[in-house]
Amino acid sequence: MVEAFGHTLSGPDVDIPSGRLENIWYRAAKLSSKLYRLPGGSIGRKFVGIFANEIDLLASAINKSERCSMFGRLILQKENKVKKSADIRRCVIRRIKLWEEDKLEE
């Protein structure tokens, strides 16, 4: 390890998230792994377009990686009572609008 990286392997240095985005990312990382399938049609295209824009902003160093890494998790997170495809579409549309308005806490 010393030859490869310059130091030995040690325990993780856990920093408490400091900013708004880091706090949201930390909570999103703890969510369950149950996600909706991405709806097709205009909703799916809008999702992919926004995600591509987030990747572009990351590539140009405008946004942090936390923002694009939590996008899919926050938009497609399953809710217990939402089962029908029409309700899932409405839920995804509502979350996309909140994302565009930068209301990530809601």
Protein backbone atom coordinates (compact mmCIF):
# COMPACT_ATOMS: atom_id res chain seq x y z
CA MET A 1 0.00 0.00 0.00
CA VAL A 2 2.81 2.40 0.81
CA GLU A 3 4.48 1.86 -2.57
CA ALA A 4 1.24 2.23 -4.50
CA PHE A 5 -0.50 5.05 -2.64
CA GLY A 6 2.05 6.57 -0.30
CA HIS A 7 0.36 5.48 2.94
CA THR A 8 -1.06 2.43 4.64
CA LEU A 9 -4.67 1.39 4.66
CA SER A 10 -6.49 2.89 7.62
CA GLY A 11 -10.04 3.28 8.86
CA PRO A 12 -12.45 5.51 6.98
CA ASP A 13 -12.36 9.19 7.71
CA VAL A 14 -16.05 9.94 8.03
CA ASP A 15 -16.86 13.60 7.65
CA ILE A 16 -20.25 14.91 8.60
CA PRO A 17 -21.91 16.46 5.54
CA SER A 18 -21.61 20.20 5.70
CA GLY A 19 -23.67 21.77 2.93
CA ARG A 20 -27.32 21.56 1.90
CA LEU A 21 -26.57 19.38 -1.11
CA GLU A 22 -24.30 17.06 0.85
CA ASN A 23 -26.96 16.58 3.55
CA ILE A 24 -29.59 15.69 0.94
CA TRP A 25 -27.16 13.32 -0.79
CA TYR A 26 -26.35 11.62 2.53
CA ARG A 27 -30.06 11.05 3.25
CA ALA A 28 -30.70 9.86 -0.32
CA ALA A 29 -27.88 7.34 -0.03
CA LYS A 30 -29.64 5.77 2.96
CA LEU A 31 -32.97 5.30 1.12
CA SER A 32 -34.15 1.79 0.31
CA SER A 33 -33.12 0.40 -3.05
CA LYS A 34 -36.70 -0.01 -4.29
CA LEU A 35 -37.13 2.16 -7.36
CA TYR A 36 -39.82 2.52 -10.00
CA ARG A 37 -39.00 1.58 -13.55
CA LEU A 38 -38.48 4.63 -15.69
CA PRO A 39 -41.77 5.44 -17.46
CA GLY A 40 -41.66 5.55 -21.23
CA GLY A 41 -42.83 8.29 -23.54
CA SER A 42 -42.46 11.98 -22.82
CA ILE A 43 -41.84 11.45 -19.11
CA GLY A 44 -38.93 9.09 -19.78
CA ARG A 45 -37.47 11.48 -22.38
CA LYS A 46 -37.75 14.39 -19.95
CA PHE A 47 -36.05 12.34 -17.21
CA VAL A 48 -33.19 11.40 -19.53
CA GLY A 49 -32.86 14.99 -20.77
CA ILE A 50 -32.59 16.39 -17.26
CA PHE A 51 -30.14 13.66 -16.27
CA ALA A 52 -28.00 14.40 -19.35
CA ASN A 53 -28.03 18.08 -18.42
CA GLU A 54 -26.89 17.20 -14.88
CA ILE A 55 -24.01 15.18 -16.34
CA ASP A 56 -23.06 18.11 -18.59
CA LEU A 57 -23.06 20.46 -15.60
CA LEU A 58 -20.87 18.00 -13.72
CA ALA A 59 -18.47 17.70 -16.67
CA SER A 60 -18.14 21.48 -16.87
CA ALA A 61 -17.53 21.65 -13.08
CA ILE A 62 -20.64 23.75 -12.42
CA ASN A 63 -22.36 21.18 -10.17
CA LYS A 64 -20.98 18.67 -7.70
CA SER A 65 -21.16 14.93 -8.30
CA GLU A 66 -23.64 14.51 -5.44
CA ARG A 67 -26.34 16.25 -7.42
CA CYS A 68 -26.28 13.96 -10.46
CA SER A 69 -25.67 10.82 -8.37
CA MET A 70 -28.85 11.32 -6.35
CA PHE A 71 -31.08 12.39 -9.26
CA GLY A 72 -32.41 8.96 -10.20
CA ARG A 73 -32.72 7.85 -6.59
CA LEU A 74 -34.87 10.85 -5.61
CA ILE A 75 -37.05 10.87 -8.72
CA LEU A 76 -37.74 7.12 -8.94
CA GLN A 77 -37.93 6.19 -5.23
CA LYS A 78 -40.95 3.95 -4.59
CA GLU A 79 -43.79 4.99 -2.31
CA ASN A 80 -45.77 2.28 -0.52
CA LYS A 81 -49.23 3.45 -1.60
CA VAL A 82 -48.43 4.31 -5.22
CA LYS A 83 -48.91 1.17 -7.34
CA LYS A 84 -50.83 2.06 -10.53
CA SER A 85 -48.89 3.20 -13.56
CA ALA A 86 -50.91 6.43 -13.90
CA ASP A 87 -50.17 7.30 -10.28
CA ILE A 88 -46.48 6.49 -10.77
CA ARG A 89 -46.37 8.81 -13.78
CA ARG A 90 -47.96 11.63 -11.77
CA CYS A 91 -45.51 11.03 -8.93
CA VAL A 92 -42.50 11.10 -11.25
CA ILE A 93 -43.77 14.26 -13.01
CA ARG A 94 -44.28 15.98 -9.64
CA ARG A 95 -40.77 15.05 -8.51
CA ILE A 96 -39.23 16.24 -11.78
CA LYS A 97 -40.97 19.61 -11.34
CA LEU A 98 -39.66 19.85 -7.78
CA TRP A 99 -36.16 19.00 -9.04
CA GLU A 100 -36.34 21.72 -11.69
CA GLU A 101 -37.45 24.22 -9.03
CA ASP A 102 -34.52 23.07 -6.84
CA LYS A 103 -36.90 21.99 -4.06
CA LEU A 104 -34.94 18.85 -3.20
CA GLU A 105 -36.13 18.66 0.41
CA GLU A 106 -39.81 18.23 -0.46
